[in-house]
C-alpha atoms as a PDB file:
ATOM      1  CA  MET A   1       0.805  -3.456  21.470  1.00  0.00           C
ATOM      2  CA  LEU A   2       1.980  -2.052  18.164  1.00  0.00           C
ATOM      3  CA  LEU A   3       0.318   0.839  16.339  1.00  0.00           C
ATOM      4  CA  ALA A   4       1.082   0.453  12.631  1.00  0.00           C
ATOM      5  CA  ILE A   5       0.437   3.521  10.461  1.00  0.00           C
ATOM      6  CA  ASP A   6       0.431   3.457   6.657  1.00  0.00           C
ATOM      7  CA  CYS A   7       0.136   6.972   5.244  1.00  0.00           C
ATOM      8  CA  GLY A   8      -0.624   7.096   1.531  1.00  0.00           C
ATOM      9  CA  ASN A   9      -1.327   9.993  -0.779  1.00  0.00           C
ATOM     10  CA  THR A  10      -5.091   9.579  -0.408  1.00  0.00           C
ATOM     11  CA  ASN A  11      -5.756   7.704   2.847  1.00  0.00           C
ATOM     12  CA  THR A  12      -3.957   6.889   6.084  1.00  0.00           C
ATOM     13  CA  VAL A  13      -4.564   3.542   7.769  1.00  0.00           C
ATOM     14  CA  PHE A  14      -4.115   2.925  11.509  1.00  0.00           C
ATOM     15  CA  SER A  15      -4.002  -0.688  12.724  1.00  0.00           C
ATOM     16  CA  ILE A  16      -3.388  -2.123  16.187  1.00  0.00           C
ATOM     17  CA  TRP A  17      -1.393  -5.356  16.327  1.00  0.00           C
ATOM     18  CA  ASP A  18      -1.485  -7.394  19.540  1.00  0.00           C
ATOM     19  CA  GLY A  19       1.389  -9.680  18.562  1.00  0.00           C
ATOM     20  CA  SER A  20      -0.691 -12.288  16.783  1.00  0.00           C
ATOM     21  CA  GLU A  21      -3.412 -10.412  14.904  1.00  0.00           C
ATOM     22  CA  PHE A  22      -4.802  -6.995  14.074  1.00  0.00           C
ATOM     23  CA  ILE A  23      -7.514  -6.211  16.602  1.00  0.00           C
ATOM     24  CA  ALA A  24      -8.659  -2.954  14.963  1.00  0.00           C
ATOM     25  CA  THR A  25      -8.113  -1.020  11.739  1.00  0.00           C
ATOM     26  CA  TRP A  26      -9.307   2.462  10.786  1.00  0.00           C
ATOM     27  CA  ARG A  27      -8.874   4.650   7.722  1.00  0.00           C
ATOM     28  CA  THR A  28      -8.866   8.442   7.460  1.00  0.00           C
ATOM     29  CA  ALA A  29      -8.181  10.928   4.677  1.00  0.00           C
ATOM     30  CA  THR A  30      -4.524  11.965   4.519  1.00  0.00           C
ATOM     31  CA  ASP A  31      -4.120  15.584   5.607  1.00  0.00           C
ATOM     32  CA  TRP A  32      -0.701  17.003   6.455  1.00  0.00           C
ATOM     33  CA  LYS A  33      -2.369  19.798   8.468  1.00  0.00           C
ATOM     34  CA  ARG A  34      -3.930  17.368  10.965  1.00  0.00           C
ATOM     35  CA  THR A  35      -2.172  17.782  14.307  1.00  0.00           C
ATOM     36  CA  ALA A  36      -1.013  15.121  16.749  1.00  0.00           C
ATOM     37  CA  ASP A  37      -3.762  16.172  19.155  1.00  0.00           C
ATOM     38  CA  GLN A  38      -6.409  15.723  16.471  1.00  0.00           C
ATOM     39  CA  TYR A  39      -5.061  12.286  15.608  1.00  0.00           C
ATOM     40  CA  TYR A  40      -5.213  11.251  19.255  1.00  0.00           C
ATOM     41  CA  VAL A  41      -8.761  12.515  19.834  1.00  0.00           C
ATOM     42  CA  TRP A  42      -9.914  10.678  16.698  1.00  0.00           C
ATOM     43  CA  LEU A  43      -8.086   7.465  17.553  1.00  0.00           C
ATOM     44  CA  SER A  44      -8.990   7.364  21.247  1.00  0.00           C
ATOM     45  CA  THR A  45     -12.664   8.004  20.421  1.00  0.00           C
ATOM     46  CA  LEU A  46     -12.723   5.089  17.985  1.00  0.00           C
ATOM     47  CA  LEU A  47     -11.050   2.836  20.536  1.00  0.00           C
ATOM     48  CA  LYS A  48     -13.694   3.697  23.120  1.00  0.00           C
ATOM     49  CA  LEU A  49     -16.526   3.098  20.648  1.00  0.00           C
ATOM     50  CA  ARG A  50     -15.146  -0.369  19.978  1.00  0.00           C
ATOM     51  CA  GLY A  51     -14.554  -1.048  23.668  1.00  0.00           C
ATOM     52  CA  ILE A  52     -10.858  -1.673  23.084  1.00  0.00           C
ATOM     53  CA  GLU A  53      -8.284  -0.991  25.772  1.00  0.00           C
ATOM     54  CA  ALA A  54      -5.043  -0.837  23.820  1.00  0.00           C
ATOM     55  CA  ASP A  55      -1.790  -0.368  25.705  1.00  0.00           C
ATOM     56  CA  ILE A  56       0.272   0.913  22.789  1.00  0.00           C
ATOM     57  CA  SER A  57       3.976   0.537  23.472  1.00  0.00           C
ATOM     58  CA  ASP A  58       5.417   0.740  19.944  1.00  0.00           C
ATOM     59  CA  VAL A  59       4.660   2.674  16.755  1.00  0.00           C
ATOM     60  CA  ILE A  60       5.850   2.082  13.192  1.00  0.00           C
ATOM     61  CA  ILE A  61       5.132   4.462  10.314  1.00  0.00           C
ATOM     62  CA  SER A  62       5.290   4.139   6.544  1.00  0.00           C
ATOM     63  CA  SER A  63       4.509   7.376   4.740  1.00  0.00           C
ATOM     64  CA  THR A  64       4.611   8.512   1.117  1.00  0.00           C
ATOM     65  CA  VAL A  65       3.743  12.036   2.313  1.00  0.00           C
ATOM     66  CA  PRO A  66       6.779  13.414   4.193  1.00  0.00           C
ATOM     67  CA  ARG A  67       4.887  16.414   5.631  1.00  0.00           C
ATOM     68  CA  VAL A  68       2.585  14.078   7.577  1.00  0.00           C
ATOM     69  CA  VAL A  69       5.391  12.265   9.398  1.00  0.00           C
ATOM     70  CA  TRP A  70       6.166  15.124  11.801  1.00  0.00           C
ATOM     71  CA  ASN A  71       2.727  15.121  13.452  1.00  0.00           C
ATOM     72  CA  LEU A  72       2.682  11.308  13.557  1.00  0.00           C
ATOM     73  CA  ARG A  73       6.034  11.434  15.366  1.00  0.00           C
ATOM     74  CA  VAL A  74       4.590  13.912  17.853  1.00  0.00           C
ATOM     75  CA  LEU A  75       1.562  11.665  18.328  1.00  0.00           C
ATOM     76  CA  SER A  76       3.851   8.767  19.185  1.00  0.00           C
ATOM     77  CA  ASP A  77       6.094  10.773  21.506  1.00  0.00           C
ATOM     78  CA  ARG A  78       3.387  12.747  23.294  1.00  0.00           C
ATOM     79  CA  TYR A  79       0.640  10.192  23.755  1.00  0.00           C
ATOM     80  CA  PHE A  80       2.379   6.798  23.650  1.00  0.00           C
ATOM     81  CA  ASN A  81       5.741   7.802  25.094  1.00  0.00           C
ATOM     82  CA  THR A  82       7.694   5.970  22.409  1.00  0.00           C
ATOM     83  CA  ARG A  83       9.957   6.921  19.531  1.00  0.00           C
ATOM     84  CA  PRO A  84       8.338   5.666  16.318  1.00  0.00           C
ATOM     85  CA  LEU A  85      10.149   3.515  13.800  1.00  0.00           C
ATOM     86  CA  VAL A  86       9.871   5.217  10.389  1.00  0.00           C
ATOM     87  CA  VAL A  87      10.411   3.120   7.284  1.00  0.00           C
ATOM     88  CA  GLY A  88      12.995   4.724   5.025  1.00  0.00           C
ATOM     89  CA  LYS A  89      14.917   6.396   7.846  1.00  0.00           C
ATOM     90  CA  PRO A  90      18.451   5.193   8.713  1.00  0.00           C
ATOM     91  CA  GLU A  91      17.368   3.809  12.082  1.00  0.00           C
ATOM     92  CA  CYS A  92      14.866   1.456  10.415  1.00  0.00           C
ATOM     93  CA  THR A  93      16.587  -1.642   9.033  1.00  0.00           C
ATOM     94  CA  LEU A  94      14.846  -3.759   6.426  1.00  0.00           C
ATOM     95  CA  PRO A  95      15.068  -7.583   6.411  1.00  0.00           C
ATOM     96  CA  VAL A  96      15.629  -7.506   2.620  1.00  0.00           C
ATOM     97  CA  ASP A  97      18.155  -5.740   0.401  1.00  0.00           C
ATOM     98  CA  VAL A  98      17.264  -2.823  -1.886  1.00  0.00           C
ATOM     99  CA  ARG A  99      19.076  -3.069  -5.222  1.00  0.00           C
ATOM    100  CA  VAL A 100      18.318   0.045  -7.256  1.00  0.00           C
ATOM    101  CA  ASP A 101      20.364   2.845  -8.808  1.00  0.00           C
ATOM    102  CA  ALA A 102      22.493   4.771  -6.329  1.00  0.00           C
ATOM    103  CA  GLY A 103      20.689   7.788  -4.930  1.00  0.00           C
ATOM    104  CA  THR A 104      17.240   6.482  -5.846  1.00  0.00           C
ATOM    105  CA  ALA A 105      14.562   7.018  -3.214  1.00  0.00           C
ATOM    106  CA  VAL A 106      12.070   4.155  -3.176  1.00  0.00           C
ATOM    107  CA  GLY A 107       8.622   4.768  -1.727  1.00  0.00           C
ATOM    108  CA  PRO A 108       8.363   3.293   1.781  1.00  0.00           C
ATOM    109  CA  ASP A 109       5.079   1.579   0.914  1.00  0.00           C
ATOM    110  CA  ARG A 110       6.768  -0.286  -1.930  1.00  0.00           C
ATOM    111  CA  LEU A 111       9.538  -1.509   0.350  1.00  0.00           C
ATOM    112  CA  VAL A 112       7.027  -2.588   3.000  1.00  0.00           C
ATOM    113  CA  ASN A 113       5.000  -4.509   0.421  1.00  0.00           C
ATOM    114  CA  THR A 114       8.155  -6.268  -0.762  1.00  0.00           C
ATOM    115  CA  VAL A 115       9.010  -7.309   2.798  1.00  0.00           C
ATOM    116  CA  ALA A 116       5.470  -8.588   3.341  1.00  0.00           C
ATOM    117  CA  GLY A 117       5.418 -10.467   0.053  1.00  0.00           C
ATOM    118  CA  TYR A 118       8.703 -12.221   0.777  1.00  0.00           C
ATOM    119  CA  ASP A 119       7.583 -13.145   4.282  1.00  0.00           C
ATOM    120  CA  LEU A 120       4.321 -14.641   3.008  1.00  0.00           C
ATOM    121  CA  TYR A 121       5.303 -16.134  -0.354  1.00  0.00           C
ATOM    122  CA  GLY A 122       9.073 -16.156  -0.748  1.00  0.00           C
ATOM    123  CA  GLY A 123      10.993 -14.529  -3.593  1.00  0.00           C
ATOM    124  CA  ASP A 124      10.502 -13.975  -7.332  1.00  0.00           C
ATOM    125  CA  LEU A 125       7.370 -11.870  -6.920  1.00  0.00           C
ATOM    126  CA  ILE A 126       5.560  -9.130  -8.776  1.00  0.00           C
ATOM    127  CA  ILE A 127       3.445  -7.139  -6.338  1.00  0.00           C
ATOM    128  CA  VAL A 128       0.698  -5.044  -7.947  1.00  0.00           C
ATOM    129  CA  ASP A 129      -0.702  -2.330  -5.678  1.00  0.00           C
ATOM    130  CA  PHE A 130      -3.831  -0.469  -6.790  1.00  0.00           C
ATOM    131  CA  GLY A 131      -3.372   2.805  -4.946  1.00  0.00           C
ATOM    132  CA  THR A 132      -3.257   6.450  -6.009  1.00  0.00           C
ATOM    133  CA  ALA A 133      -0.706   5.104  -8.476  1.00  0.00           C
ATOM    134  CA  THR A 134      -0.768   1.543  -9.772  1.00  0.00           C
ATOM    135  CA  THR A 135       2.653   0.158  -8.874  1.00  0.00           C
ATOM    136  CA  PHE A 136       4.449  -3.047  -9.812  1.00  0.00           C
ATOM    137  CA  ASP A 137       7.222  -4.027  -7.409  1.00  0.00           C
ATOM    138  CA  VAL A 138       9.646  -6.806  -8.261  1.00  0.00           C
ATOM    139  CA  SER A 139      11.524  -8.947  -5.743  1.00  0.00           C
ATOM    140  CA  ASP A 140      14.462 -11.240  -6.480  1.00  0.00           C
ATOM    141  CA  SER A 141      14.708 -14.864  -5.389  1.00  0.00           C
ATOM    142  CA  ASP A 142      16.214 -13.765  -2.048  1.00  0.00           C
ATOM    143  CA  GLY A 143      13.459 -11.204  -1.457  1.00  0.00           C
ATOM    144  CA  ALA A 144      15.526  -8.166  -2.442  1.00  0.00           C
ATOM    145  CA  TYR A 145      13.674  -5.221  -3.959  1.00  0.00           C
ATOM    146  CA  ILE A 146      15.094  -4.772  -7.476  1.00  0.00           C
ATOM    147  CA  GLY A 147      12.808  -2.142  -9.002  1.00  0.00           C
ATOM    148  CA  GLY A 148       9.424  -1.918 -10.611  1.00  0.00           C
ATOM    149  CA  VAL A 149       6.926   0.061 -12.656  1.00  0.00           C
ATOM    150  CA  ILE A 150       4.694   3.037 -11.805  1.00  0.00           C
ATOM    151  CA  ALA A 151       1.508   3.739 -13.768  1.00  0.00           C
ATOM    152  CA  PRO A 152      -1.348   6.181 -13.092  1.00  0.00           C
ATOM    153  CA  GLY A 153      -3.878   4.873 -10.603  1.00  0.00           C
ATOM    154  CA  VAL A 154      -7.353   3.837 -11.736  1.00  0.00           C
ATOM    155  CA  ASN A 155      -9.179   6.645  -9.935  1.00  0.00           C
ATOM    156  CA  LEU A 156      -6.513   9.125 -11.010  1.00  0.00           C
ATOM    157  CA  SER A 157      -7.169   8.183 -14.640  1.00  0.00           C
ATOM    158  CA  LEU A 158     -10.903   8.611 -14.169  1.00  0.00           C
ATOM    159  CA  GLU A 159     -10.392  12.032 -12.587  1.00  0.00           C
ATOM    160  CA  ALA A 160      -8.128  13.064 -15.456  1.00  0.00           C
ATOM    161  CA  LEU A 161     -10.776  12.078 -18.018  1.00  0.00           C
ATOM    162  CA  HIS A 162     -13.447  14.010 -16.143  1.00  0.00           C
ATOM    163  CA  ASN A 163     -11.338  17.116 -15.537  1.00  0.00           C
ATOM    164  CA  ALA A 164      -9.786  17.357 -18.996  1.00  0.00           C
ATOM    165  CA  ALA A 165     -12.899  16.701 -21.059  1.00  0.00           C
ATOM    166  CA  ALA A 166     -15.910  18.849 -20.187  1.00  0.00           C
ATOM    167  CA  ALA A 167     -18.392  16.448 -21.747  1.00  0.00           C
ATOM    168  CA  LEU A 168     -17.205  13.385 -19.832  1.00  0.00           C
ATOM    169  CA  PRO A 169     -18.863  12.767 -16.445  1.00  0.00           C
ATOM    170  CA  HIS A 170     -17.321  11.532 -13.223  1.00  0.00           C
ATOM    171  CA  ILE A 171     -17.916   7.774 -12.964  1.00  0.00           C
ATOM    172  CA  ASP A 172     -17.167   4.875 -10.645  1.00  0.00           C
ATOM    173  CA  ILE A 173     -15.146   1.965 -11.953  1.00  0.00           C
ATOM    174  CA  SER A 174     -16.985  -1.309 -12.502  1.00  0.00           C
ATOM    175  CA  GLN A 175     -16.962  -4.172 -14.982  1.00  0.00           C
ATOM    176  CA  PRO A 176     -19.034  -3.193 -18.021  1.00  0.00           C
ATOM    177  CA  ALA A 177     -21.575  -5.592 -19.495  1.00  0.00           C
ATOM    178  CA  HIS A 178     -19.967  -5.319 -22.932  1.00  0.00           C
ATOM    179  CA  VAL A 179     -16.632  -4.207 -24.314  1.00  0.00           C
ATOM    180  CA  VAL A 180     -18.340  -1.912 -26.812  1.00  0.00           C
ATOM    181  CA  GLY A 181     -20.245   0.734 -24.879  1.00  0.00           C
ATOM    182  CA  THR A 182     -23.482   2.187 -26.176  1.00  0.00           C
ATOM    183  CA  ASN A 183     -23.426   5.291 -23.969  1.00  0.00           C
ATOM    184  CA  THR A 184     -20.772   7.602 -22.583  1.00  0.00           C
ATOM    185  CA  VAL A 185     -20.543   6.029 -19.134  1.00  0.00           C
ATOM    186  CA  ALA A 186     -20.317   2.498 -20.538  1.00  0.00           C
ATOM    187  CA  CYS A 187     -17.631   3.596 -22.994  1.00  0.00           C
ATOM    188  CA  MET A 188     -15.541   5.148 -20.216  1.00  0.00           C
ATOM    189  CA  GLN A 189     -15.976   2.141 -17.936  1.00  0.00           C
ATOM    190  CA  SER A 190     -14.934  -0.213 -20.700  1.00  0.00           C
ATOM    191  CA  GLY A 191     -11.877   1.837 -21.561  1.00  0.00           C
ATOM    192  CA  VAL A 192     -10.658   2.027 -17.987  1.00  0.00           C
ATOM    193  CA  PHE A 193     -11.620  -1.497 -16.906  1.00  0.00           C
ATOM    194  CA  TRP A 194     -10.302  -3.429 -19.905  1.00  0.00           C
ATOM    195  CA  GLY A 195      -7.465  -0.977 -20.345  1.00  0.00           C
ATOM    196  CA  TYR A 196      -6.139  -1.714 -16.857  1.00  0.00           C
ATOM    197  CA  ILE A 197      -6.558  -5.448 -17.305  1.00  0.00           C
ATOM    198  CA  GLY A 198      -4.446  -5.157 -20.452  1.00  0.00           C
ATOM    199  CA  LEU A 199      -1.927  -2.970 -18.652  1.00  0.00           C
ATOM    200  CA  VAL A 200      -1.500  -5.418 -15.758  1.00  0.00           C
ATOM    201  CA  ARG A 201      -1.297  -8.468 -17.996  1.00  0.00           C
ATOM    202  CA  GLU A 202       1.202  -6.908 -20.409  1.00  0.00           C
ATOM    203  CA  ILE A 203       3.507  -5.411 -17.792  1.00  0.00           C
ATOM    204  CA  CYS A 204       3.599  -8.624 -15.752  1.00  0.00           C
ATOM    205  CA  ALA A 205       4.315 -10.666 -18.900  1.00  0.00           C
ATOM    206  CA  ARG A 206       7.167  -8.368 -19.871  1.00  0.00           C
ATOM    207  CA  ILE A 207       8.657  -8.448 -16.368  1.00  0.00           C
ATOM    208  CA  LYS A 208       8.613 -12.253 -16.411  1.00  0.00           C
ATOM    209  CA  ALA A 209      10.179 -12.341 -19.887  1.00  0.00           C
ATOM    210  CA  GLU A 210      12.898  -9.886 -18.872  1.00  0.00           C
ATOM    211  CA  ARG A 211      13.646 -11.853 -15.720  1.00  0.00           C
ATOM    212  CA  GLY A 212      13.570 -15.148 -17.626  1.00  0.00           C
ATOM    213  CA  ARG A 213      11.787 -17.065 -14.881  1.00  0.00           C
ATOM    214  CA  GLU A 214       8.382 -17.869 -13.455  1.00  0.00           C
ATOM    215  CA  MET A 215       7.163 -15.292 -10.962  1.00  0.00           C
ATOM    216  CA  ARG A 216       4.115 -15.152  -8.715  1.00  0.00           C
ATOM    217  CA  VAL A 217       1.881 -12.106  -9.052  1.00  0.00           C
ATOM    218  CA  ILE A 218       0.469 -10.767  -5.780  1.00  0.00           C
ATOM    219  CA  SER A 219      -2.131  -8.014  -5.711  1.00  0.00           C
ATOM    220  CA  THR A 220      -3.201  -5.596  -3.021  1.00  0.00           C
ATOM    221  CA  GLY A 221      -5.441  -2.555  -2.881  1.00  0.00           C
ATOM    222  CA  GLY A 222      -9.203  -2.234  -2.921  1.00  0.00           C
ATOM    223  CA  LEU A 223      -9.708  -2.562  -6.683  1.00  0.00           C
ATOM    224  CA  ALA A 224      -7.695  -5.760  -7.143  1.00  0.00           C
ATOM    225  CA  PRO A 225     -10.684  -8.125  -6.602  1.00  0.00           C
ATOM    226  CA  LEU A 226     -12.677  -6.207  -9.222  1.00  0.00           C
ATOM    227  CA  PHE A 227     -10.075  -6.897 -11.914  1.00  0.00           C
ATOM    228  CA  GLN A 228      -9.441 -10.458 -10.750  1.00  0.00           C
ATOM    229  CA  GLN A 229     -13.104 -11.388 -11.184  1.00  0.00           C
ATOM    230  CA  ALA A 230     -12.868 -10.786 -14.927  1.00  0.00           C
ATOM    231  CA  GLU A 231      -9.448 -12.273 -15.668  1.00  0.00           C
ATOM    232  CA  ALA A 232      -7.043 -14.539 -13.770  1.00  0.00           C
ATOM    233  CA  LEU A 233      -4.435 -11.835 -13.365  1.00  0.00           C
ATOM    234  CA  PHE A 234      -3.088 -12.617  -9.897  1.00  0.00           C
ATOM    235  CA  ASP A 235      -1.922 -15.703  -8.034  1.00  0.00           C
ATOM    236  CA  GLU A 236      -2.828 -14.223  -4.638  1.00  0.00           C
ATOM    237  CA  TYR A 237      -4.662 -11.230  -3.204  1.00  0.00           C
ATOM    238  CA  GLN A 238      -3.742  -9.667   0.147  1.00  0.00           C
ATOM    239  CA  ASP A 239      -5.858  -6.771   1.367  1.00  0.00           C
ATOM    240  CA  ASP A 240      -3.598  -6.005   4.356  1.00  0.00           C
ATOM    241  CA  LEU A 241      -0.227  -6.638   2.702  1.00  0.00           C
ATOM    242  CA  THR A 242       1.289  -3.303   3.751  1.00  0.00           C
ATOM    243  CA  MET A 243       0.159  -3.635   7.361  1.00  0.00           C
ATOM    244  CA  HIS A 244       1.589  -7.151   7.537  1.00  0.00           C
ATOM    245  CA  GLY A 245       4.895  -5.830   6.215  1.00  0.00           C
ATOM    246  CA  LEU A 246       4.997  -3.196   8.946  1.00  0.00           C
ATOM    247  CA  THR A 247       4.670  -5.866  11.633  1.00  0.00           C
ATOM    248  CA  VAL A 248       7.487  -7.888  10.027  1.00  0.00           C
ATOM    249  CA  ILE A 249       9.799  -4.857   9.876  1.00  0.00           C
ATOM    250  CA  HIS A 250       8.976  -3.901  13.457  1.00  0.00           C
ATOM    251  CA  LYS A 251       9.715  -7.420  14.718  1.00  0.00           C
ATOM    252  CA  TYR A 252      12.982  -7.560  12.766  1.00  0.00           C
ATOM    253  CA  ASN A 253      14.207  -4.276  14.255  1.00  0.00           C
ATOM    254  CA  LYS A 254      13.217  -5.304  17.781  1.00  0.00           C
ATOM    255  CA  GLU A 255      15.223  -8.498  17.390  1.00  0.00           C
ATOM    256  CA  LEU A 256      18.254  -6.535  16.153  1.00  0.00           C
ATOM    257  CA  VAL A 257      18.120  -4.336  19.256  1.00  0.00           C
ATOM    258  CA  SER A 258      17.860  -7.307  21.589  1.00  0.00           C
ATOM    259  CA  GLU A 259      20.881  -9.106  20.099  1.00  0.00           C
END
């Protein structure tokens, strides 16, 4: 079985793939100080609670936090007796090209999402990921990653409002009843909610105009359904897009080795 690990700036997701489906998925806060032993105790306990006997033979890692990768490598080596495949490292080959400026480092999660999008939907995609940052990743007709856009994440914007303005409270994002708020919370919710809808719509429209072609817009991340319910912003929503991409990359590399 394959253990797929997606380490983001805020959370790290562990999923177990049996070759045809994910049989378990767990999420934990990203912490570079967490040791391999701690990861294993946490993971093995959750497996036992679910009654899952997982014979993990392979591990693949995508991480936007380089300091976390070391302990995840140790986890793989020590407890699963396998060398992990790490997206972004030379030994990990992608099934799509990356066409950006020379010397540019692209976030592994963005590459994985591009691979997943091409595998599921083909080329000419805009993939919108609502994470710590809100990212827009663009793939060419052949699936190649050709660049994108990075904007502040929704929760990051809310935290900035709260931290920078003493009178503004910490709020959760939700669709407001009216555009014009009649209290502080409603005003903030309206600004963030409708502001991000405008941001997504405008950026996607400009990408399509610049590319001069029709493009499908795919969304991922927990807040995507919230924005989709108000406006038809996306053609498809995939909650596990990144994890699917990890399985595709793992399979591609295994096939290269066996050739």
